[in-house]
Structure formats: structure tokens, C-alpha cells
């Protein structure tokens, strides 16, 4: 597949594994740059939250510390 040099993709795979949600991401092109990937994910998270009538600030406040704690238990950040 031909891609221009200044394009990138973030692909998020989500699956339900026996009632547990698993996800993984792939980065291509400029999306491999951490600042671009993180900013793009944040913009899309905020946009989807607002589109679905959810407050993105509330979602982050409610879930972020638990997510960080869970991930710290698996691997070093």
C-alpha cells in the first residue's frame, strides 16, 4: 500500500475475551511519533466523548488513576 510520507495511522483492535475487554494498537507513519500519536488519540477521545454526550473530563477523572494502577502492575511505565 502506498502512503505519503506525511501520513500516519493508528489502528486500535478491541476484542471481548470471555467477558474481558482486550485492546492493542498499531502505529504507522508519522503516528509513530509519540507527541503526534498521543495528541491524535486525545483529540479523537474528546471528540467521541462529546459526540456520545459524555464529558471527557469526567471520564478521565473517573478512570485514569485505575488504568494507570493496572498498567503499573503489569509493566514499568
PDB file of N, CA and C in Angstrom:
ATOM      1  N   UNK A   1       0.848  -1.184   0.000  1.00  0.00           N
ATOM      2  CA  UNK A   1       0.000   0.000   0.000  1.00  0.00           C
ATOM      3  C   UNK A   1       0.887   1.240   0.000  1.00  0.00           C
ATOM      4  N   UNK A   2       0.591   2.179  -0.885  1.00  0.00           N
ATOM      5  CA  UNK A   2       1.361   3.414  -0.992  1.00  0.00           C
ATOM      6  C   UNK A   2       0.827   4.440   0.001  1.00  0.00           C
ATOM      7  N   UNK A   3       1.731   5.027   0.775  1.00  0.00           N
ATOM      8  CA  UNK A   3       1.357   6.094   1.702  1.00  0.00           C
ATOM      9  C   UNK A   3       2.296   7.264   1.499  1.00  0.00           C
ATOM     10  N   UNK A   4       1.737   8.458   1.583  1.00  0.00           N
ATOM     11  CA  UNK A   4       2.592   9.634   1.556  1.00  0.00           C
ATOM     12  C   UNK A   4       3.402   9.681   2.837  1.00  0.00           C
ATOM     13  N   UNK A   5       4.527  10.338   2.776  1.00  0.00           N
ATOM     14  CA  UNK A   5       5.440  10.413   3.908  1.00  0.00           C
ATOM     15  C   UNK A   5       4.828  11.126   5.117  1.00  0.00           C
ATOM     16  N   UNK A   6       3.931  12.062   4.888  1.00  0.00           N
ATOM     17  CA  UNK A   6       3.370  12.860   5.968  1.00  0.00           C
ATOM     18  C   UNK A   6       2.024  12.343   6.460  1.00  0.00           C
ATOM     19  N   UNK A   7       1.762  11.072   6.272  1.00  0.00           N
ATOM     20  CA  UNK A   7       0.529  10.482   6.773  1.00  0.00           C
ATOM     21  C   UNK A   7       0.871   9.421   7.796  1.00  0.00           C
ATOM     22  N   UNK A   8      -0.101   9.080   8.577  1.00  0.00           N
ATOM     23  CA  UNK A   8       0.096   8.025   9.560  1.00  0.00           C
ATOM     24  C   UNK A   8      -1.231   7.401   9.921  1.00  0.00           C
ATOM     25  N   UNK A   9      -1.150   6.290  10.607  1.00  0.00           N
ATOM     26  CA  UNK A   9      -2.348   5.590  11.040  1.00  0.00           C
ATOM     27  C   UNK A   9      -2.145   5.082  12.457  1.00  0.00           C
ATOM     28  N   UNK A  10      -3.240   5.103  13.203  1.00  0.00           N
ATOM     29  CA  UNK A  10      -3.307   4.434  14.491  1.00  0.00           C
ATOM     30  C   UNK A  10      -4.479   3.479  14.372  1.00  0.00           C
ATOM     31  N   UNK A  11      -4.198   2.208  14.506  1.00  0.00           N
ATOM     32  CA  UNK A  11      -5.248   1.203  14.415  1.00  0.00           C
ATOM     33  C   UNK A  11      -5.428   0.601  15.802  1.00  0.00           C
ATOM     34  N   UNK A  12      -6.662   0.633  16.298  1.00  0.00           N
ATOM     35  CA  UNK A  12      -6.967   0.081  17.616  1.00  0.00           C
ATOM     36  C   UNK A  12      -7.819  -1.164  17.420  1.00  0.00           C
ATOM     37  N   UNK A  13      -7.328  -2.271  17.927  1.00  0.00           N
ATOM     38  CA  UNK A  13      -8.065  -3.532  17.881  1.00  0.00           C
ATOM     39  C   UNK A  13      -8.677  -3.780  19.261  1.00  0.00           C
ATOM     40  N   UNK A  14      -9.973  -4.076  19.298  1.00  0.00           N
ATOM     41  CA  UNK A  14     -10.674  -4.333  20.564  1.00  0.00           C
ATOM     42  C   UNK A  14     -11.395  -5.663  20.428  1.00  0.00           C
ATOM     43  N   UNK A  15     -11.254  -6.514  21.438  1.00  0.00           N
ATOM     44  CA  UNK A  15     -11.954  -7.790  21.416  1.00  0.00           C
ATOM     45  C   UNK A  15     -12.494  -8.128  22.796  1.00  0.00           C
ATOM     46  N   UNK A  16     -13.574  -8.879  22.797  1.00  0.00           N
ATOM     47  CA  UNK A  16     -14.175  -9.367  24.033  1.00  0.00           C
ATOM     48  C   UNK A  16     -13.686 -10.796  24.223  1.00  0.00           C
ATOM     49  N   UNK A  17     -12.904 -11.020  25.255  1.00  0.00           N
ATOM     50  CA  UNK A  17     -12.332 -12.330  25.524  1.00  0.00           C
ATOM     51  C   UNK A  17     -12.923 -12.863  26.826  1.00  0.00           C
ATOM     52  N   UNK A  18     -13.983 -13.661  26.707  1.00  0.00           N
ATOM     53  CA  UNK A  18     -14.666 -14.250  27.873  1.00  0.00           C
ATOM     54  C   UNK A  18     -15.109 -13.176  28.871  1.00  0.00           C
ATOM     55  N   UNK A  19     -15.735 -12.124  28.352  1.00  0.00           N
ATOM     56  CA  UNK A  19     -16.257 -11.060  29.202  1.00  0.00           C
ATOM     57  C   UNK A  19     -15.240 -10.016  29.606  1.00  0.00           C
ATOM     58  N   UNK A  20     -14.007 -10.165  29.170  1.00  0.00           N
ATOM     59  CA  UNK A  20     -12.946  -9.200  29.487  1.00  0.00           C
ATOM     60  C   UNK A  20     -12.548  -8.495  28.191  1.00  0.00           C
ATOM     61  N   UNK A  21     -12.470  -7.168  28.223  1.00  0.00           N
ATOM     62  CA  UNK A  21     -12.126  -6.388  27.039  1.00  0.00           C
ATOM     63  C   UNK A  21     -10.611  -6.282  26.927  1.00  0.00           C
ATOM     64  N   UNK A  22     -10.083  -6.667  25.781  1.00  0.00           N
ATOM     65  CA  UNK A  22      -8.659  -6.539  25.481  1.00  0.00           C
ATOM     66  C   UNK A  22      -8.504  -5.615  24.281  1.00  0.00           C
ATOM     67  N   UNK A  23      -7.429  -4.863  24.260  1.00  0.00           N
ATOM     68  CA  UNK A  23      -7.172  -3.997  23.115  1.00  0.00           C
ATOM     69  C   UNK A  23      -5.673  -3.892  22.866  1.00  0.00           C
ATOM     70  N   UNK A  24      -5.355  -3.554  21.622  1.00  0.00           N
ATOM     71  CA  UNK A  24      -3.960  -3.285  21.269  1.00  0.00           C
ATOM     72  C   UNK A  24      -3.970  -2.266  20.139  1.00  0.00           C
ATOM     73  N   UNK A  25      -2.840  -1.594  19.960  1.00  0.00           N
ATOM     74  CA  UNK A  25      -2.737  -0.568  18.931  1.00  0.00           C
ATOM     75  C   UNK A  25      -1.533  -0.821  18.043  1.00  0.00           C
ATOM     76  N   UNK A  26      -1.677  -0.387  16.786  1.00  0.00           N
ATOM     77  CA  UNK A  26      -0.569  -0.379  15.840  1.00  0.00           C
ATOM     78  C   UNK A  26      -0.394   1.048  15.349  1.00  0.00           C
ATOM     79  N   UNK A  27       0.848   1.453  15.160  1.00  0.00           N
ATOM     80  CA  UNK A  27       1.175   2.800  14.704  1.00  0.00           C
ATOM     81  C   UNK A  27       1.938   2.707  13.391  1.00  0.00           C
ATOM     82  N   UNK A  28       1.587   3.541  12.437  1.00  0.00           N
ATOM     83  CA  UNK A  28       2.275   3.568  11.150  1.00  0.00           C
ATOM     84  C   UNK A  28       2.576   5.019  10.776  1.00  0.00           C
ATOM     85  N   UNK A  29       3.640   5.241  10.020  1.00  0.00           N
ATOM     86  CA  UNK A  29       3.985   6.574   9.529  1.00  0.00           C
ATOM     87  C   UNK A  29       4.260   7.559  10.647  1.00  0.00           C
ATOM     88  N   UNK A  30       3.766   8.791  10.480  1.00  0.00           N
ATOM     89  CA  UNK A  30       4.048   9.829  11.478  1.00  0.00           C
ATOM     90  C   UNK A  30       3.360   9.561  12.811  1.00  0.00           C
ATOM     91  N   UNK A  31       2.409   8.637  12.832  1.00  0.00           N
ATOM     92  CA  UNK A  31       1.750   8.285  14.093  1.00  0.00           C
ATOM     93  C   UNK A  31       2.707   7.578  15.046  1.00  0.00           C
ATOM     94  N   UNK A  32       3.882   7.160  14.554  1.00  0.00           N
ATOM     95  CA  UNK A  32       4.881   6.545  15.432  1.00  0.00           C
ATOM     96  C   UNK A  32       5.541   7.581  16.334  1.00  0.00           C
ATOM     97  N   UNK A  33       5.446   8.862  15.981  1.00  0.00           N
ATOM     98  CA  UNK A  33       5.991   9.928  16.814  1.00  0.00           C
ATOM     99  C   UNK A  33       5.104  10.068  18.053  1.00  0.00           C
ATOM    100  N   UNK A  34       5.659   9.891  19.259  1.00  0.00           N
ATOM    101  CA  UNK A  34       4.831   9.882  20.465  1.00  0.00           C
ATOM    102  C   UNK A  34       3.913  11.097  20.619  1.00  0.00           C
ATOM    103  N   UNK A  35       4.428  12.297  20.388  1.00  0.00           N
ATOM    104  CA  UNK A  35       3.622  13.514  20.564  1.00  0.00           C
ATOM    105  C   UNK A  35       2.434  13.528  19.601  1.00  0.00           C
ATOM    106  N   UNK A  36       2.664  13.142  18.359  1.00  0.00           N
ATOM    107  CA  UNK A  36       1.587  13.115  17.367  1.00  0.00           C
ATOM    108  C   UNK A  36       0.564  12.043  17.716  1.00  0.00           C
ATOM    109  N   UNK A  37       1.026  10.850  18.070  1.00  0.00           N
ATOM    110  CA  UNK A  37       0.116   9.761  18.413  1.00  0.00           C
ATOM    111  C   UNK A  37      -0.741  10.115  19.626  1.00  0.00           C
ATOM    112  N   UNK A  38      -0.113  10.616  20.674  1.00  0.00           N
ATOM    113  CA  UNK A  38      -0.857  10.940  21.901  1.00  0.00           C
ATOM    114  C   UNK A  38      -1.851  12.075  21.677  1.00  0.00           C
ATOM    115  N   UNK A  39      -1.424  13.113  20.957  1.00  0.00           N
ATOM    116  CA  UNK A  39      -2.328  14.234  20.679  1.00  0.00           C
ATOM    117  C   UNK A  39      -3.496  13.789  19.811  1.00  0.00           C
ATOM    118  N   UNK A  40      -3.224  12.971  18.803  1.00  0.00           N
ATOM    119  CA  UNK A  40      -4.295  12.472  17.936  1.00  0.00           C
ATOM    120  C   UNK A  40      -5.288  11.617  18.719  1.00  0.00           C
ATOM    121  N   UNK A  41      -4.773  10.745  19.590  1.00  0.00           N
ATOM    122  CA  UNK A  41      -5.660   9.926  20.409  1.00  0.00           C
ATOM    123  C   UNK A  41      -6.504  10.788  21.343  1.00  0.00           C
ATOM    124  N   UNK A  42      -5.899  11.820  21.928  1.00  0.00           N
ATOM    125  CA  UNK A  42      -6.631  12.700  22.836  1.00  0.00           C
ATOM    126  C   UNK A  42      -7.721  13.483  22.112  1.00  0.00           C
ATOM    127  N   UNK A  43      -7.412  13.990  20.929  1.00  0.00           N
ATOM    128  CA  UNK A  43      -8.407  14.720  20.136  1.00  0.00           C
ATOM    129  C   UNK A  43      -9.570  13.799  19.769  1.00  0.00           C
ATOM    130  N   UNK A  44      -9.257  12.586  19.330  1.00  0.00           N
ATOM    131  CA  UNK A  44     -10.309  11.652  18.949  1.00  0.00           C
ATOM    132  C   UNK A  44     -11.110  11.174  20.158  1.00  0.00           C
ATOM    133  N   UNK A  45     -10.464  10.956  21.295  1.00  0.00           N
ATOM    134  CA  UNK A  45     -11.158  10.597  22.531  1.00  0.00           C
ATOM    135  C   UNK A  45     -12.133  11.700  22.934  1.00  0.00           C
ATOM    136  N   UNK A  46     -11.665  12.933  22.909  1.00  0.00           N
ATOM    137  CA  UNK A  46     -12.510  14.069  23.285  1.00  0.00           C
ATOM    138  C   UNK A  46     -13.679  14.225  22.324  1.00  0.00           C
ATOM    139  N   UNK A  47     -13.408  14.110  21.047  1.00  0.00           N
ATOM    140  CA  UNK A  47     -14.453  14.234  20.030  1.00  0.00           C
ATOM    141  C   UNK A  47     -15.519  13.153  20.186  1.00  0.00           C
ATOM    142  N   UNK A  48     -15.095  11.904  20.366  1.00  0.00           N
ATOM    143  CA  UNK A  48     -16.048  10.811  20.531  1.00  0.00           C
ATOM    144  C   UNK A  48     -16.862  10.967  21.809  1.00  0.00           C
ATOM    145  N   UNK A  49     -16.205  11.386  22.889  1.00  0.00           N
ATOM    146  CA  UNK A  49     -16.910  11.609  24.152  1.00  0.00           C
ATOM    147  C   UNK A  49     -18.024  12.631  23.984  1.00  0.00           C
ATOM    148  N   UNK A  50     -17.701  13.773  23.390  1.00  0.00           N
ATOM    149  CA  UNK A  50     -18.694  14.824  23.195  1.00  0.00           C
ATOM    150  C   UNK A  50     -19.806  14.376  22.250  1.00  0.00           C
ATOM    151  N   UNK A  51     -19.433  13.647  21.199  1.00  0.00           N
ATOM    152  CA  UNK A  51     -20.413  13.135  20.238  1.00  0.00           C
ATOM    153  C   UNK A  51     -21.414  12.195  20.914  1.00  0.00           C
ATOM    154  N   UNK A  52     -20.949  11.427  21.897  1.00  0.00           N
ATOM    155  CA  UNK A  52     -21.804  10.470  22.598  1.00  0.00           C
ATOM    156  C   UNK A  52     -22.446  11.061  23.852  1.00  0.00           C
ATOM    157  N   UNK A  53     -22.297  12.392  24.038  1.00  0.00           N
ATOM    158  CA  UNK A  53     -22.933  13.062  25.168  1.00  0.00           C
ATOM    159  C   UNK A  53     -22.235  12.835  26.499  1.00  0.00           C
ATOM    160  N   UNK A  54     -20.959  12.497  26.454  1.00  0.00           N
ATOM    161  CA  UNK A  54     -20.180  12.248  27.669  1.00  0.00           C
ATOM    162  C   UNK A  54     -19.187  13.376  27.887  1.00  0.00           C
ATOM    163  N   UNK A  55     -18.910  13.675  29.149  1.00  0.00           N
ATOM    164  CA  UNK A  55     -17.920  14.695  29.499  1.00  0.00           C
ATOM    165  C   UNK A  55     -16.548  14.038  29.548  1.00  0.00           C
ATOM    166  N   UNK A  56     -15.648  14.387  28.618  1.00  0.00           N
ATOM    167  CA  UNK A  56     -14.336  13.737  28.614  1.00  0.00           C
ATOM    168  C   UNK A  56     -13.550  13.954  29.904  1.00  0.00           C
ATOM    169  N   UNK A  57     -13.717  15.093  30.545  1.00  0.00           N
ATOM    170  CA  UNK A  57     -13.023  15.354  31.816  1.00  0.00           C
ATOM    171  C   UNK A  57     -13.494  14.375  32.889  1.00  0.00           C
ATOM    172  N   UNK A  58     -14.800  14.140  32.933  1.00  0.00           N
ATOM    173  CA  UNK A  58     -15.364  13.216  33.929  1.00  0.00           C
ATOM    174  C   UNK A  58     -14.858  11.795  33.694  1.00  0.00           C
ATOM    175  N   UNK A  59     -14.816  11.368  32.446  1.00  0.00           N
ATOM    176  CA  UNK A  59     -14.337  10.024  32.117  1.00  0.00           C
ATOM    177  C   UNK A  59     -12.890   9.857  32.569  1.00  0.00           C
ATOM    178  N   UNK A  60     -12.054  10.847  32.290  1.00  0.00           N
ATOM    179  CA  UNK A  60     -10.649  10.782  32.699  1.00  0.00           C
ATOM    180  C   UNK A  60     -10.534  10.764  34.219  1.00  0.00           C
ATOM    181  N   UNK A  61     -11.253  11.653  34.907  1.00  0.00           N
ATOM    182  CA  UNK A  61     -11.201  11.697  36.369  1.00  0.00           C
ATOM    183  C   UNK A  61     -11.651  10.376  36.983  1.00  0.00           C
ATOM    184  N   UNK A  62     -12.659   9.755  36.389  1.00  0.00           N
ATOM    185  CA  UNK A  62     -13.231   8.521  36.934  1.00  0.00           C
ATOM    186  C   UNK A  62     -12.326   7.310  36.698  1.00  0.00           C
ATOM    187  N   UNK A  63     -11.646   7.241  35.548  1.00  0.00           N
ATOM    188  CA  UNK A  63     -10.965   6.013  35.174  1.00  0.00           C
ATOM    189  C   UNK A  63      -9.440   6.065  35.118  1.00  0.00           C
ATOM    190  N   UNK A  64      -8.847   7.242  34.972  1.00  0.00           N
ATOM    191  CA  UNK A  64      -7.411   7.314  34.703  1.00  0.00           C
ATOM    192  C   UNK A  64      -6.552   6.703  35.811  1.00  0.00           C
ATOM    193  N   UNK A  65      -6.811   7.028  37.065  1.00  0.00           N
ATOM    194  CA  UNK A  65      -5.954   6.503  38.132  1.00  0.00           C
ATOM    195  C   UNK A  65      -6.030   4.980  38.208  1.00  0.00           C
ATOM    196  N   UNK A  66      -7.209   4.397  37.998  1.00  0.00           N
ATOM    197  CA  UNK A  66      -7.336   2.938  37.994  1.00  0.00           C
ATOM    198  C   UNK A  66      -6.606   2.295  36.831  1.00  0.00           C
ATOM    199  N   UNK A  67      -6.657   2.940  35.676  1.00  0.00           N
ATOM    200  CA  UNK A  67      -5.959   2.420  34.497  1.00  0.00           C
ATOM    201  C   UNK A  67      -4.446   2.468  34.712  1.00  0.00           C
ATOM    202  N   UNK A  68      -3.948   3.585  35.234  1.00  0.00           N
ATOM    203  CA  UNK A  68      -2.509   3.716  35.492  1.00  0.00           C
ATOM    204  C   UNK A  68      -2.065   2.668  36.506  1.00  0.00           C
ATOM    205  N   UNK A  69      -2.847   2.483  37.545  1.00  0.00           N
ATOM    206  CA  UNK A  69      -2.510   1.494  38.571  1.00  0.00           C
ATOM    207  C   UNK A  69      -2.472   0.080  37.979  1.00  0.00           C
ATOM    208  N   UNK A  70      -3.447  -0.244  37.135  1.00  0.00           N
ATOM    209  CA  UNK A  70      -3.498  -1.543  36.492  1.00  0.00           C
ATOM    210  C   UNK A  70      -2.271  -1.768  35.607  1.00  0.00           C
ATOM    211  N   UNK A  71      -1.913  -0.764  34.810  1.00  0.00           N
ATOM    212  CA  UNK A  71      -0.790  -0.894  33.891  1.00  0.00           C
ATOM    213  C   UNK A  71       0.549  -0.914  34.622  1.00  0.00           C
ATOM    214  N   UNK A  72       0.667  -0.170  35.720  1.00  0.00           N
ATOM    215  CA  UNK A  72       1.902  -0.187  36.506  1.00  0.00           C
ATOM    216  C   UNK A  72       2.140  -1.574  37.102  1.00  0.00           C
ATOM    217  N   UNK A  73       1.060  -2.272  37.410  1.00  0.00           N
ATOM    218  CA  UNK A  73       1.188  -3.617  37.938  1.00  0.00           C
ATOM    219  C   UNK A  73       1.683  -4.606  36.900  1.00  0.00           C
ATOM    220  N   UNK A  74       1.460  -4.329  35.617  1.00  0.00           N
ATOM    221  CA  UNK A  74       1.887  -5.225  34.538  1.00  0.00           C
ATOM    222  C   UNK A  74       3.299  -4.942  34.065  1.00  0.00           C
ATOM    223  N   UNK A  75       3.615  -3.671  33.892  1.00  0.00           N
ATOM    224  CA  UNK A  75       4.922  -3.303  33.349  1.00  0.00           C
ATOM    225  C   UNK A  75       5.298  -1.913  33.820  1.00  0.00           C
ATOM    226  N   UNK A  76       6.554  -1.613  33.754  1.00  0.00           N
ATOM    227  CA  UNK A  76       7.055  -0.307  34.170  1.00  0.00           C
ATOM    228  C   UNK A  76       6.700   0.747  33.115  1.00  0.00           C
ATOM    229  N   UNK A  77       6.146   1.897  33.532  1.00  0.00           N
ATOM    230  CA  UNK A  77       5.792   2.979  32.605  1.00  0.00           C
ATOM    231  C   UNK A  77       7.004   3.859  32.410  1.00  0.00           C
TER     232      UNK A  77
END
